[in-house]
Every structure is written in structure tokens, then in C-alpha cells.
Amino acid sequence: MTPTHKIALGDLDPSFLEFGNQPGVLRCHSGIRVPGNDPRPRQGLHFVCPVCTNSDSHGIILLFDDPSVPPKAQPRGRWTYNGRPLSQLTLTEKVYSRETEKKCNWEGFIIDGQVTWK
């Protein structure tokens, strides 16, 4: 895929996610403030949709393919990641929006901290 659009993940207000002590409750850790060698688990990622970045924007939540992610956790689907901090993050699978209410059909990739799409 040759991307026609590209934006730094850091420009999309990203946060690492982890499940807290309450079942199914996610906590955010700003990827900017969490150092790359921080031992806290990274069980997912949240960022603002790169194509809906106006006042009507929505977030994208991805859960990582990690045994510590509860099997019934929503959203379904798991992504494999490499790299810390967020400026070096790469996801090995295509990323997509699950936003149906706003009819957002964004699909793209995160490679070396850059979000790309056609």
C-alpha cells in the first residue's frame, strides 16, 4: 500500500490503555508522559481518528494481542505491536475505525509512529 495521507501518531492525542482493578475498566496513560521503559502493561491504544479530527471526531480503541487482555474485552480484534515509545510504535495488522454512527470507514496502518492511509 502506498499511503496518500500521513500524520504522526503523537498528533492524535494517543494514550496507552491498561485494564484496572475493576473488570473491563480501561485506564489511559498518555503515551507522551509514559517513558518507553515504563513497566506498566500496555494492553491497548486509544487515539483520535485521523480523518475525523474536527469537533465531531471520535476515538479509536485497539486492544493488543496480549494474554493479560481479558478474553471477553471489547472491542473484539487484537493487534500485535512493536516499539516504545509511541513515536516508534508499529502495529503489524491493518487498523480500522469501528465507528458506525458517524459512518467513518477509516482504514490504515501505524508504522514507526506514523499513521498512514489512502
PDB file of N, CA and C in Angstrom:
ATOM      1  N   MET A   1       0.839  -1.177   0.000  1.00  0.00           N
ATOM      2  CA  MET A   1       0.000   0.000   0.000  1.00  0.00           C
ATOM      3  C   MET A   1       0.886   1.242   0.000  1.00  0.00           C
ATOM      4  N   THR A   2       0.639   2.116  -0.936  1.00  0.00           N
ATOM      5  CA  THR A   2       1.322   3.401  -0.946  1.00  0.00           C
ATOM      6  C   THR A   2       0.386   4.418  -0.312  1.00  0.00           C
ATOM      7  N   PRO A   3       0.769   4.949   0.858  1.00  0.00           N
ATOM      8  CA  PRO A   3      -0.143   5.874   1.538  1.00  0.00           C
ATOM      9  C   PRO A   3      -0.224   7.213   0.811  1.00  0.00           C
ATOM     10  N   THR A   4      -1.411   7.796   0.859  1.00  0.00           N
ATOM     11  CA  THR A   4      -1.587   9.139   0.311  1.00  0.00           C
ATOM     12  C   THR A   4      -1.732  10.164   1.427  1.00  0.00           C
ATOM     13  N   HIS A   5      -1.963   9.690   2.653  1.00  0.00           N
ATOM     14  CA  HIS A   5      -2.088  10.569   3.818  1.00  0.00           C
ATOM     15  C   HIS A   5      -1.196  10.028   4.928  1.00  0.00           C
ATOM     16  N   LYS A   6      -0.618  10.941   5.692  1.00  0.00           N
ATOM     17  CA  LYS A   6       0.238  10.518   6.797  1.00  0.00           C
ATOM     18  C   LYS A   6       0.205  11.590   7.883  1.00  0.00           C
ATOM     19  N   ILE A   7       0.138  11.134   9.144  1.00  0.00           N
ATOM     20  CA  ILE A   7       0.195  12.030  10.294  1.00  0.00           C
ATOM     21  C   ILE A   7       0.899  11.299  11.425  1.00  0.00           C
ATOM     22  N   ALA A   8       1.630  12.037  12.226  1.00  0.00           N
ATOM     23  CA  ALA A   8       2.305  11.423  13.364  1.00  0.00           C
ATOM     24  C   ALA A   8       1.272  10.968  14.391  1.00  0.00           C
ATOM     25  N   LEU A   9       1.434   9.769  14.904  1.00  0.00           N
ATOM     26  CA  LEU A   9       0.532   9.263  15.937  1.00  0.00           C
ATOM     27  C   LEU A   9       0.481  10.227  17.117  1.00  0.00           C
ATOM     28  N   GLY A  10       1.596  10.835  17.453  1.00  0.00           N
ATOM     29  CA  GLY A  10       1.651  11.783  18.566  1.00  0.00           C
ATOM     30  C   GLY A  10       0.756  12.995  18.390  1.00  0.00           C
ATOM     31  N   ASP A  11       0.364  13.304  17.145  1.00  0.00           N
ATOM     32  CA  ASP A  11      -0.542  14.428  16.881  1.00  0.00           C
ATOM     33  C   ASP A  11      -2.006  14.062  17.075  1.00  0.00           C
ATOM     34  N   LEU A  12      -2.280  12.789  17.376  1.00  0.00           N
ATOM     35  CA  LEU A  12      -3.658  12.303  17.514  1.00  0.00           C
ATOM     36  C   LEU A  12      -4.008  11.998  18.972  1.00  0.00           C
ATOM     37  N   ASP A  13      -3.368  12.689  19.897  1.00  0.00           N
ATOM     38  CA  ASP A  13      -3.651  12.568  21.328  1.00  0.00           C
ATOM     39  C   ASP A  13      -3.683  11.105  21.787  1.00  0.00           C
ATOM     40  N   PRO A  14      -2.605  10.347  21.535  1.00  0.00           N
ATOM     41  CA  PRO A  14      -2.614   8.919  21.858  1.00  0.00           C
ATOM     42  C   PRO A  14      -2.411   8.636  23.339  1.00  0.00           C
ATOM     43  N   SER A  15      -2.942   7.522  23.769  1.00  0.00           N
ATOM     44  CA  SER A  15      -2.733   7.025  25.129  1.00  0.00           C
ATOM     45  C   SER A  15      -2.636   5.515  25.086  1.00  0.00           C
ATOM     46  N   PHE A  16      -1.711   4.967  25.879  1.00  0.00           N
ATOM     47  CA  PHE A  16      -1.709   3.529  26.087  1.00  0.00           C
ATOM     48  C   PHE A  16      -2.852   3.200  27.034  1.00  0.00           C
ATOM     49  N   LEU A  17      -3.397   2.016  26.918  1.00  0.00           N
ATOM     50  CA  LEU A  17      -4.503   1.573  27.762  1.00  0.00           C
ATOM     51  C   LEU A  17      -4.069   0.358  28.572  1.00  0.00           C
ATOM     52  N   GLU A  18      -4.625   0.265  29.768  1.00  0.00           N
ATOM     53  CA  GLU A  18      -4.453  -0.952  30.566  1.00  0.00           C
ATOM     54  C   GLU A  18      -5.735  -1.181  31.346  1.00  0.00           C
ATOM     55  N   PHE A  19      -6.006  -2.433  31.635  1.00  0.00           N
ATOM     56  CA  PHE A  19      -7.168  -2.768  32.436  1.00  0.00           C
ATOM     57  C   PHE A  19      -6.836  -2.545  33.891  1.00  0.00           C
ATOM     58  N   GLY A  20      -7.724  -1.861  34.592  1.00  0.00           N
ATOM     59  CA  GLY A  20      -7.515  -1.582  36.006  1.00  0.00           C
ATOM     60  C   GLY A  20      -7.969  -2.740  36.872  1.00  0.00           C
ATOM     61  N   ASN A  21      -8.153  -2.456  38.142  1.00  0.00           N
ATOM     62  CA  ASN A  21      -8.579  -3.488  39.091  1.00  0.00           C
ATOM     63  C   ASN A  21     -10.032  -3.876  38.913  1.00  0.00           C
ATOM     64  N   GLN A  22     -10.826  -2.992  38.306  1.00  0.00           N
ATOM     65  CA  GLN A  22     -12.224  -3.315  38.058  1.00  0.00           C
ATOM     66  C   GLN A  22     -12.332  -4.018  36.714  1.00  0.00           C
ATOM     67  N   PRO A  23     -13.000  -5.163  36.652  1.00  0.00           N
ATOM     68  CA  PRO A  23     -13.091  -5.917  35.403  1.00  0.00           C
ATOM     69  C   PRO A  23     -13.675  -5.072  34.274  1.00  0.00           C
ATOM     70  N   GLY A  24     -12.980  -5.083  33.145  1.00  0.00           N
ATOM     71  CA  GLY A  24     -13.473  -4.402  31.961  1.00  0.00           C
ATOM     72  C   GLY A  24     -13.263  -2.904  31.927  1.00  0.00           C
ATOM     73  N   VAL A  25     -12.677  -2.321  32.974  1.00  0.00           N
ATOM     74  CA  VAL A  25     -12.479  -0.873  33.015  1.00  0.00           C
ATOM     75  C   VAL A  25     -11.058  -0.553  32.546  1.00  0.00           C
ATOM     76  N   LEU A  26     -10.967   0.262  31.499  1.00  0.00           N
ATOM     77  CA  LEU A  26      -9.669   0.641  30.954  1.00  0.00           C
ATOM     78  C   LEU A  26      -9.182   1.942  31.574  1.00  0.00           C
ATOM     79  N   ARG A  27      -7.872   2.032  31.810  1.00  0.00           N
ATOM     80  CA  ARG A  27      -7.241   3.269  32.260  1.00  0.00           C
ATOM     81  C   ARG A  27      -6.294   3.731  31.169  1.00  0.00           C
ATOM     82  N   CYS A  28      -6.198   5.042  30.997  1.00  0.00           N
ATOM     83  CA  CYS A  28      -5.324   5.617  29.979  1.00  0.00           C
ATOM     84  C   CYS A  28      -4.027   6.092  30.604  1.00  0.00           C
ATOM     85  N   HIS A  29      -2.958   5.941  29.867  1.00  0.00           N
ATOM     86  CA  HIS A  29      -1.656   6.507  30.219  1.00  0.00           C
ATOM     87  C   HIS A  29      -1.177   7.256  29.002  1.00  0.00           C
ATOM     88  N   SER A  30      -1.024   8.545  29.110  1.00  0.00           N
ATOM     89  CA  SER A  30      -0.562   9.332  27.973  1.00  0.00           C
ATOM     90  C   SER A  30       0.740   8.764  27.461  1.00  0.00           C
ATOM     91  N   GLY A  31       0.782   8.487  26.178  1.00  0.00           N
ATOM     92  CA  GLY A  31       1.994   7.955  25.585  1.00  0.00           C
ATOM     93  C   GLY A  31       3.133   8.947  25.612  1.00  0.00           C
ATOM     94  N   ILE A  32       2.816  10.210  25.751  1.00  0.00           N
ATOM     95  CA  ILE A  32       3.858  11.224  25.793  1.00  0.00           C
ATOM     96  C   ILE A  32       4.522  11.221  27.160  1.00  0.00           C
ATOM     97  N   ARG A  33       3.748  10.995  28.220  1.00  0.00           N
ATOM     98  CA  ARG A  33       4.301  11.050  29.572  1.00  0.00           C
ATOM     99  C   ARG A  33       4.813   9.709  30.070  1.00  0.00           C
ATOM    100  N   VAL A  34       4.427   8.611  29.438  1.00  0.00           N
ATOM    101  CA  VAL A  34       4.879   7.294  29.887  1.00  0.00           C
ATOM    102  C   VAL A  34       6.171   6.962  29.161  1.00  0.00           C
ATOM    103  N   PRO A  35       7.293   6.872  29.881  1.00  0.00           N
ATOM    104  CA  PRO A  35       8.557   6.567  29.207  1.00  0.00           C
ATOM    105  C   PRO A  35       8.544   5.173  28.601  1.00  0.00           C
ATOM    106  N   GLY A  36       9.347   4.997  27.576  1.00  0.00           N
ATOM    107  CA  GLY A  36       9.374   3.726  26.858  1.00  0.00           C
ATOM    108  C   GLY A  36       9.753   2.535  27.711  1.00  0.00           C
ATOM    109  N   ASN A  37      10.507   2.751  28.776  1.00  0.00           N
ATOM    110  CA  ASN A  37      10.910   1.622  29.619  1.00  0.00           C
ATOM    111  C   ASN A  37      10.005   1.464  30.842  1.00  0.00           C
ATOM    112  N   ASP A  38       8.874   2.154  30.863  1.00  0.00           N
ATOM    113  CA  ASP A  38       7.936   2.055  31.972  1.00  0.00           C
ATOM    114  C   ASP A  38       7.394   0.629  32.032  1.00  0.00           C
ATOM    115  N   PRO A  39       7.406  -0.014  33.217  1.00  0.00           N
ATOM    116  CA  PRO A  39       6.992  -1.415  33.310  1.00  0.00           C
ATOM    117  C   PRO A  39       5.479  -1.635  33.283  1.00  0.00           C
ATOM    118  N   ARG A  40       4.686  -0.554  33.325  1.00  0.00           N
ATOM    119  CA  ARG A  40       3.236  -0.754  33.309  1.00  0.00           C
ATOM    120  C   ARG A  40       2.808  -1.474  32.040  1.00  0.00           C
ATOM    121  N   PRO A  41       1.801  -2.314  32.130  1.00  0.00           N
ATOM    122  CA  PRO A  41       1.374  -3.054  30.944  1.00  0.00           C
ATOM    123  C   PRO A  41       0.757  -2.136  29.900  1.00  0.00           C
ATOM    124  N   ARG A  42       0.985  -2.493  28.676  1.00  0.00           N
ATOM    125  CA  ARG A  42       0.318  -1.812  27.570  1.00  0.00           C
ATOM    126  C   ARG A  42      -0.617  -2.834  26.951  1.00  0.00           C
ATOM    127  N   GLN A  43      -1.889  -2.681  27.246  1.00  0.00           N
ATOM    128  CA  GLN A  43      -2.855  -3.660  26.774  1.00  0.00           C
ATOM    129  C   GLN A  43      -3.673  -3.127  25.611  1.00  0.00           C
ATOM    130  N   GLY A  44      -3.485  -1.867  25.279  1.00  0.00           N
ATOM    131  CA  GLY A  44      -4.216  -1.295  24.168  1.00  0.00           C
ATOM    132  C   GLY A  44      -3.755   0.113  23.866  1.00  0.00           C
ATOM    133  N   LEU A  45      -4.433   0.721  22.905  1.00  0.00           N
ATOM    134  CA  LEU A  45      -4.088   2.055  22.435  1.00  0.00           C
ATOM    135  C   LEU A  45      -5.370   2.810  22.108  1.00  0.00           C
ATOM    136  N   HIS A  46      -5.393   4.082  22.443  1.00  0.00           N
ATOM    137  CA  HIS A  46      -6.501   4.970  22.085  1.00  0.00           C
ATOM    138  C   HIS A  46      -5.908   6.184  21.382  1.00  0.00           C
ATOM    139  N   PHE A  47      -6.538   6.610  20.278  1.00  0.00           N
ATOM    140  CA  PHE A  47      -6.128   7.839  19.603  1.00  0.00           C
ATOM    141  C   PHE A  47      -7.321   8.404  18.841  1.00  0.00           C
ATOM    142  N   VAL A  48      -7.241   9.681  18.499  1.00  0.00           N
ATOM    143  CA  VAL A  48      -8.306  10.359  17.755  1.00  0.00           C
ATOM    144  C   VAL A  48      -8.249   9.892  16.303  1.00  0.00           C
ATOM    145  N   CYS A  49      -9.408   9.658  15.715  1.00  0.00           N
ATOM    146  CA  CYS A  49      -9.480   9.239  14.317  1.00  0.00           C
ATOM    147  C   CYS A  49      -8.774  10.268  13.430  1.00  0.00           C
ATOM    148  N   PRO A  50      -7.857   9.836  12.571  1.00  0.00           N
ATOM    149  CA  PRO A  50      -7.101  10.788  11.764  1.00  0.00           C
ATOM    150  C   PRO A  50      -7.912  11.495  10.674  1.00  0.00           C
ATOM    151  N   VAL A  51      -9.060  10.956  10.290  1.00  0.00           N
ATOM    152  CA  VAL A  51      -9.862  11.630   9.252  1.00  0.00           C
ATOM    153  C   VAL A  51     -11.021  12.423   9.836  1.00  0.00           C
ATOM    154  N   CYS A  52     -11.364  12.181  11.068  1.00  0.00           N
ATOM    155  CA  CYS A  52     -12.479  12.889  11.716  1.00  0.00           C
ATOM    156  C   CYS A  52     -11.937  13.810  12.812  1.00  0.00           C
ATOM    157  N   THR A  53     -10.896  14.550  12.523  1.00  0.00           N
ATOM    158  CA  THR A  53     -10.225  15.340  13.557  1.00  0.00           C
ATOM    159  C   THR A  53     -10.834  16.720  13.745  1.00  0.00           C
ATOM    160  N   ASN A  54     -12.110  16.857  13.491  1.00  0.00           N
ATOM    161  CA  ASN A  54     -12.786  18.131  13.756  1.00  0.00           C
ATOM    162  C   ASN A  54     -13.572  18.008  15.054  1.00  0.00           C
ATOM    163  N   SER A  55     -14.487  18.911  15.286  1.00  0.00           N
ATOM    164  CA  SER A  55     -15.260  18.884  16.538  1.00  0.00           C
ATOM    165  C   SER A  55     -16.160  17.657  16.646  1.00  0.00           C
ATOM    166  N   ASP A  56     -16.354  16.955  15.544  1.00  0.00           N
ATOM    167  CA  ASP A  56     -17.217  15.776  15.520  1.00  0.00           C
ATOM    168  C   ASP A  56     -16.385  14.487  15.542  1.00  0.00           C
ATOM    169  N   SER A  57     -15.139  14.585  15.985  1.00  0.00           N
ATOM    170  CA  SER A  57     -14.253  13.432  15.917  1.00  0.00           C
ATOM    171  C   SER A  57     -14.620  12.372  16.956  1.00  0.00           C
ATOM    172  N   HIS A  58     -14.061  11.227  16.766  1.00  0.00           N
ATOM    173  CA  HIS A  58     -14.266  10.104  17.683  1.00  0.00           C
ATOM    174  C   HIS A  58     -12.920   9.441  17.912  1.00  0.00           C
ATOM    175  N   GLY A  59     -12.854   8.621  18.924  1.00  0.00           N
ATOM    176  CA  GLY A  59     -11.618   7.921  19.231  1.00  0.00           C
ATOM    177  C   GLY A  59     -11.599   6.530  18.641  1.00  0.00           C
ATOM    178  N   ILE A  60     -10.404   6.005  18.490  1.00  0.00           N
ATOM    179  CA  ILE A  60     -10.208   4.635  18.032  1.00  0.00           C
ATOM    180  C   ILE A  60      -9.519   3.884  19.166  1.00  0.00           C
ATOM    181  N   ILE A  61     -10.085   2.756  19.540  1.00  0.00           N
ATOM    182  CA  ILE A  61      -9.531   1.918  20.605  1.00  0.00           C
ATOM    183  C   ILE A  61      -9.102   0.599  19.992  1.00  0.00           C
ATOM    184  N   LEU A  62      -7.854   0.238  20.254  1.00  0.00           N
ATOM    185  CA  LEU A  62      -7.311  -1.035  19.799  1.00  0.00           C
ATOM    186  C   LEU A  62      -6.806  -1.785  21.021  1.00  0.00           C
ATOM    187  N   LEU A  63      -7.099  -3.053  21.101  1.00  0.00           N
ATOM    188  CA  LEU A  63      -6.557  -3.878  22.180  1.00  0.00           C
ATOM    189  C   LEU A  63      -5.451  -4.749  21.619  1.00  0.00           C
ATOM    190  N   PHE A  64      -4.364  -4.867  22.365  1.00  0.00           N
ATOM    191  CA  PHE A  64      -3.209  -5.613  21.896  1.00  0.00           C
ATOM    192  C   PHE A  64      -3.392  -7.111  22.093  1.00  0.00           C
ATOM    193  N   ASP A  65      -2.705  -7.867  21.267  1.00  0.00           N
ATOM    194  CA  ASP A  65      -2.702  -9.327  21.364  1.00  0.00           C
ATOM    195  C   ASP A  65      -1.764  -9.699  22.509  1.00  0.00           C
ATOM    196  N   ASP A  66      -2.334  -9.750  23.704  1.00  0.00           N
ATOM    197  CA  ASP A  66      -1.551  -9.973  24.919  1.00  0.00           C
ATOM    198  C   ASP A  66      -2.376 -10.852  25.849  1.00  0.00           C
ATOM    199  N   PRO A  67      -1.775 -11.853  26.487  1.00  0.00           N
ATOM    200  CA  PRO A  67      -2.550 -12.736  27.357  1.00  0.00           C
ATOM    201  C   PRO A  67      -3.190 -12.023  28.543  1.00  0.00           C
ATOM    202  N   SER A  68      -2.719 -10.827  28.891  1.00  0.00           N
ATOM    203  CA  SER A  68      -3.303 -10.111  30.023  1.00  0.00           C
ATOM    204  C   SER A  68      -4.589  -9.374  29.657  1.00  0.00           C
ATOM    205  N   VAL A  69      -4.921  -9.311  28.368  1.00  0.00           N
ATOM    206  CA  VAL A  69      -6.178  -8.685  27.950  1.00  0.00           C
ATOM    207  C   VAL A  69      -7.298  -9.708  28.173  1.00  0.00           C
ATOM    208  N   PRO A  70      -8.319  -9.332  28.946  1.00  0.00           N
ATOM    209  CA  PRO A  70      -9.415 -10.282  29.203  1.00  0.00           C
ATOM    210  C   PRO A  70     -10.034 -10.782  27.891  1.00  0.00           C
ATOM    211  N   PRO A  71     -10.298 -12.083  27.789  1.00  0.00           N
ATOM    212  CA  PRO A  71     -10.799 -12.666  26.537  1.00  0.00           C
ATOM    213  C   PRO A  71     -12.100 -12.038  26.029  1.00  0.00           C
ATOM    214  N   LYS A  72     -12.960 -11.588  26.928  1.00  0.00           N
ATOM    215  CA  LYS A  72     -14.247 -11.026  26.502  1.00  0.00           C
ATOM    216  C   LYS A  72     -14.211  -9.507  26.355  1.00  0.00           C
ATOM    217  N   ALA A  73     -13.034  -8.908  26.464  1.00  0.00           N
ATOM    218  CA  ALA A  73     -12.913  -7.443  26.391  1.00  0.00           C
ATOM    219  C   ALA A  73     -13.345  -6.929  25.019  1.00  0.00           C
ATOM    220  N   GLN A  74     -14.025  -5.805  25.032  1.00  0.00           N
ATOM    221  CA  GLN A  74     -14.451  -5.129  23.811  1.00  0.00           C
ATOM    222  C   GLN A  74     -13.540  -3.943  23.561  1.00  0.00           C
ATOM    223  N   PRO A  75     -13.244  -3.549  22.372  1.00  0.00           N
ATOM    224  CA  PRO A  75     -13.726  -4.154  21.131  1.00  0.00           C
ATOM    225  C   PRO A  75     -12.988  -5.457  20.817  1.00  0.00           C
ATOM    226  N   ARG A  76     -13.632  -6.274  20.006  1.00  0.00           N
ATOM    227  CA  ARG A  76     -13.017  -7.531  19.573  1.00  0.00           C
ATOM    228  C   ARG A  76     -11.882  -7.206  18.617  1.00  0.00           C
ATOM    229  N   GLY A  77     -11.067  -8.185  18.354  1.00  0.00           N
ATOM    230  CA  GLY A  77      -9.903  -7.973  17.500  1.00  0.00           C
ATOM    231  C   GLY A  77      -8.708  -7.641  18.371  1.00  0.00           C
ATOM    232  N   ARG A  78      -7.559  -8.127  18.008  1.00  0.00           N
ATOM    233  CA  ARG A  78      -6.339  -7.875  18.764  1.00  0.00           C
ATOM    234  C   ARG A  78      -5.224  -7.537  17.788  1.00  0.00           C
ATOM    235  N   TRP A  79      -4.377  -6.595  18.194  1.00  0.00           N
ATOM    236  CA  TRP A  79      -3.284  -6.143  17.349  1.00  0.00           C
ATOM    237  C   TRP A  79      -1.946  -6.458  18.004  1.00  0.00           C
ATOM    238  N   THR A  80      -0.991  -6.859  17.202  1.00  0.00           N
ATOM    239  CA  THR A  80       0.366  -7.106  17.659  1.00  0.00           C
ATOM    240  C   THR A  80       1.154  -5.823  17.466  1.00  0.00           C
ATOM    241  N   TYR A  81       1.914  -5.421  18.483  1.00  0.00           N
ATOM    242  CA  TYR A  81       2.666  -4.174  18.362  1.00  0.00           C
ATOM    243  C   TYR A  81       4.137  -4.378  18.674  1.00  0.00           C
ATOM    244  N   ASN A  82       4.931  -3.468  18.134  1.00  0.00           N
ATOM    245  CA  ASN A  82       6.359  -3.407  18.406  1.00  0.00           C
ATOM    246  C   ASN A  82       6.699  -1.945  18.602  1.00  0.00           C
ATOM    247  N   GLY A  83       7.682  -1.693  19.446  1.00  0.00           N
ATOM    248  CA  GLY A  83       8.185  -0.336  19.592  1.00  0.00           C
ATOM    249  C   GLY A  83       7.640   0.401  20.785  1.00  0.00           C
ATOM    250  N   ARG A  84       8.517   1.099  21.446  1.00  0.00           N
ATOM    251  CA  ARG A  84       8.197   2.024  22.517  1.00  0.00           C
ATOM    252  C   ARG A  84       9.191   3.148  22.374  1.00  0.00           C
ATOM    253  N   PRO A  85       8.857   4.336  22.575  1.00  0.00           N
ATOM    254  CA  PRO A  85       7.573   4.941  22.909  1.00  0.00           C
ATOM    255  C   PRO A  85       6.670   5.016  21.676  1.00  0.00           C
ATOM    256  N   LEU A  86       5.592   5.778  21.783  1.00  0.00           N
ATOM    257  CA  LEU A  86       4.622   5.871  20.693  1.00  0.00           C
ATOM    258  C   LEU A  86       5.247   6.384  19.399  1.00  0.00           C
ATOM    259  N   SER A  87       6.287   7.161  19.497  1.00  0.00           N
ATOM    260  CA  SER A  87       6.926   7.691  18.289  1.00  0.00           C
ATOM    261  C   SER A  87       7.591   6.595  17.460  1.00  0.00           C
ATOM    262  N   GLN A  88       7.701   5.395  18.027  1.00  0.00           N
ATOM    263  CA  GLN A  88       8.293   4.265  17.307  1.00  0.00           C
ATOM    264  C   GLN A  88       7.321   3.099  17.163  1.00  0.00           C
ATOM    265  N   LEU A  89       6.078   3.290  17.544  1.00  0.00           N
ATOM    266  CA  LEU A  89       5.104   2.196  17.558  1.00  0.00           C
ATOM    267  C   LEU A  89       4.773   1.713  16.144  1.00  0.00           C
ATOM    268  N   THR A  90       4.739   0.396  15.990  1.00  0.00           N
ATOM    269  CA  THR A  90       4.310  -0.234  14.747  1.00  0.00           C
ATOM    270  C   THR A  90       3.302  -1.319  15.094  1.00  0.00           C
ATOM    271  N   LEU A  91       2.186  -1.340  14.391  1.00  0.00           N
ATOM    272  CA  LEU A  91       1.205  -2.415  14.521  1.00  0.00           C
ATOM    273  C   LEU A  91       1.310  -3.274  13.274  1.00  0.00           C
ATOM    274  N   THR A  92       1.335  -4.588  13.448  1.00  0.00           N
ATOM    275  CA  THR A  92       1.580  -5.467  12.316  1.00  0.00           C
ATOM    276  C   THR A  92       0.346  -5.702  11.449  1.00  0.00           C
ATOM    277  N   GLU A  93      -0.820  -5.326  11.925  1.00  0.00           N
ATOM    278  CA  GLU A  93      -2.041  -5.522  11.156  1.00  0.00           C
ATOM    279  C   GLU A  93      -2.656  -4.179  10.769  1.00  0.00           C
ATOM    280  N   LYS A  94      -3.547  -4.221   9.787  1.00  0.00           N
ATOM    281  CA  LYS A  94      -4.292  -3.028   9.385  1.00  0.00           C
ATOM    282  C   LYS A  94      -5.146  -2.551  10.549  1.00  0.00           C
ATOM    283  N   VAL A  95      -5.257  -1.246  10.695  1.00  0.00           N
ATOM    284  CA  VAL A  95      -6.062  -0.621  11.743  1.00  0.00           C
ATOM    285  C   VAL A  95      -7.300  -0.043  11.075  1.00  0.00           C
ATOM    286  N   TYR A  96      -8.442  -0.103  11.772  1.00  0.00           N
ATOM    287  CA  TYR A  96      -9.662   0.433  11.183  1.00  0.00           C
ATOM    288  C   TYR A  96     -10.578   0.994  12.251  1.00  0.00           C
ATOM    289  N   SER A  97     -11.438   1.897  11.803  1.00  0.00           N
ATOM    290  CA  SER A  97     -12.418   2.504  12.695  1.00  0.00           C
ATOM    291  C   SER A  97     -13.623   1.593  12.809  1.00  0.00           C
ATOM    292  N   ARG A  98     -14.156   1.483  14.012  1.00  0.00           N
ATOM    293  CA  ARG A  98     -15.389   0.719  14.230  1.00  0.00           C
ATOM    294  C   ARG A  98     -16.569   1.661  14.441  1.00  0.00           C
ATOM    295  N   GLU A  99     -16.366   2.940  14.161  1.00  0.00           N
ATOM    296  CA  GLU A  99     -17.406   3.947  14.366  1.00  0.00           C
ATOM    297  C   GLU A  99     -18.469   3.800  13.287  1.00  0.00           C
ATOM    298  N   THR A 100     -19.663   3.379  13.668  1.00  0.00           N
ATOM    299  CA  THR A 100     -20.737   3.204  12.690  1.00  0.00           C
ATOM    300  C   THR A 100     -21.715   4.364  12.705  1.00  0.00           C
ATOM    301  N   GLU A 101     -21.872   5.007  13.861  1.00  0.00           N
ATOM    302  CA  GLU A 101     -22.834   6.103  13.962  1.00  0.00           C
ATOM    303  C   GLU A 101     -22.455   7.261  13.044  1.00  0.00           C
ATOM    304  N   LYS A 102     -21.164   7.577  12.977  1.00  0.00           N
ATOM    305  CA  LYS A 102     -20.709   8.686  12.141  1.00  0.00           C
ATOM    306  C   LYS A 102     -20.330   8.200  10.739  1.00  0.00           C
ATOM    307  N   LYS A 103     -20.502   6.914  10.486  1.00  0.00           N
ATOM    308  CA  LYS A 103     -20.209   6.305   9.194  1.00  0.00           C
ATOM    309  C   LYS A 103     -18.760   6.535   8.761  1.00  0.00           C
ATOM    310  N   CYS A 104     -17.858   6.434   9.712  1.00  0.00           N
ATOM    311  CA  CYS A 104     -16.435   6.569   9.418  1.00  0.00           C
ATOM    312  C   CYS A 104     -15.907   5.217   8.956  1.00  0.00           C
ATOM    313  N   ASN A 105     -15.294   5.196   7.811  1.00  0.00           N
ATOM    314  CA  ASN A 105     -14.761   3.951   7.256  1.00  0.00           C
ATOM    315  C   ASN A 105     -13.241   3.978   7.156  1.00  0.00           C
ATOM    316  N   TRP A 106     -12.593   4.703   8.074  1.00  0.00           N
ATOM    317  CA  TRP A 106     -11.136   4.825   8.000  1.00  0.00           C
ATOM    318  C   TRP A 106     -10.456   3.488   8.177  1.00  0.00           C
ATOM    319  N   GLU A 107      -9.454   3.231   7.334  1.00  0.00           N
ATOM    320  CA  GLU A 107      -8.586   2.070   7.446  1.00  0.00           C
ATOM    321  C   GLU A 107      -7.169   2.537   7.163  1.00  0.00           C
ATOM    322  N   GLY A 108      -6.223   2.046   7.907  1.00  0.00           N
ATOM    323  CA  GLY A 108      -4.850   2.448   7.665  1.00  0.00           C
ATOM    324  C   GLY A 108      -3.869   1.600   8.434  1.00  0.00           C
ATOM    325  N   PHE A 109      -2.670   2.139   8.588  1.00  0.00           N
ATOM    326  CA  PHE A 109      -1.590   1.431   9.250  1.00  0.00           C
ATOM    327  C   PHE A 109      -0.880   2.373  10.209  1.00  0.00           C
ATOM    328  N   ILE A 110      -0.232   1.802  11.223  1.00  0.00           N
ATOM    329  CA  ILE A 110       0.657   2.562  12.104  1.00  0.00           C
ATOM    330  C   ILE A 110       2.025   1.914  11.979  1.00  0.00           C
ATOM    331  N   ILE A 111       2.966   2.690  11.413  1.00  0.00           N
ATOM    332  CA  ILE A 111       4.313   2.190  11.175  1.00  0.00           C
ATOM    333  C   ILE A 111       5.300   3.244  11.671  1.00  0.00           C
ATOM    334  N   ASP A 112       6.178   2.837  12.573  1.00  0.00           N
ATOM    335  CA  ASP A 112       7.199   3.739  13.134  1.00  0.00           C
ATOM    336  C   ASP A 112       6.598   5.055  13.629  1.00  0.00           C
ATOM    337  N   GLY A 113       5.463   4.961  14.328  1.00  0.00           N
ATOM    338  CA  GLY A 113       4.837   6.143  14.910  1.00  0.00           C
ATOM    339  C   GLY A 113       4.096   7.024  13.929  1.00  0.00           C
ATOM    340  N   GLN A 114       3.938   6.577  12.688  1.00  0.00           N
ATOM    341  CA  GLN A 114       3.213   7.344  11.665  1.00  0.00           C
ATOM    342  C   GLN A 114       1.932   6.618  11.299  1.00  0.00           C
ATOM    343  N   VAL A 115       0.823   7.347  11.267  1.00  0.00           N
ATOM    344  CA  VAL A 115      -0.464   6.787  10.854  1.00  0.00           C
ATOM    345  C   VAL A 115      -0.630   7.120   9.381  1.00  0.00           C
ATOM    346  N   THR A 116      -0.844   6.082   8.560  1.00  0.00           N
ATOM    347  CA  THR A 116      -0.950   6.274   7.125  1.00  0.00           C
ATOM    348  C   THR A 116      -2.258   5.660   6.605  1.00  0.00           C
ATOM    349  N   TRP A 117      -2.764   6.210   5.524  1.00  0.00           N
ATOM    350  CA  TRP A 117      -3.966   5.685   4.878  1.00  0.00           C
ATOM    351  C   TRP A 117      -4.075   6.229   3.468  1.00  0.00           C
ATOM    352  N   LYS A 118      -4.925   5.585   2.667  1.00  0.00           N
ATOM    353  CA  LYS A 118      -5.179   6.023   1.286  1.00  0.00           C
ATOM    354  C   LYS A 118      -6.313   7.020   1.259  1.00  0.00           C
TER     355      LYS A 118
END
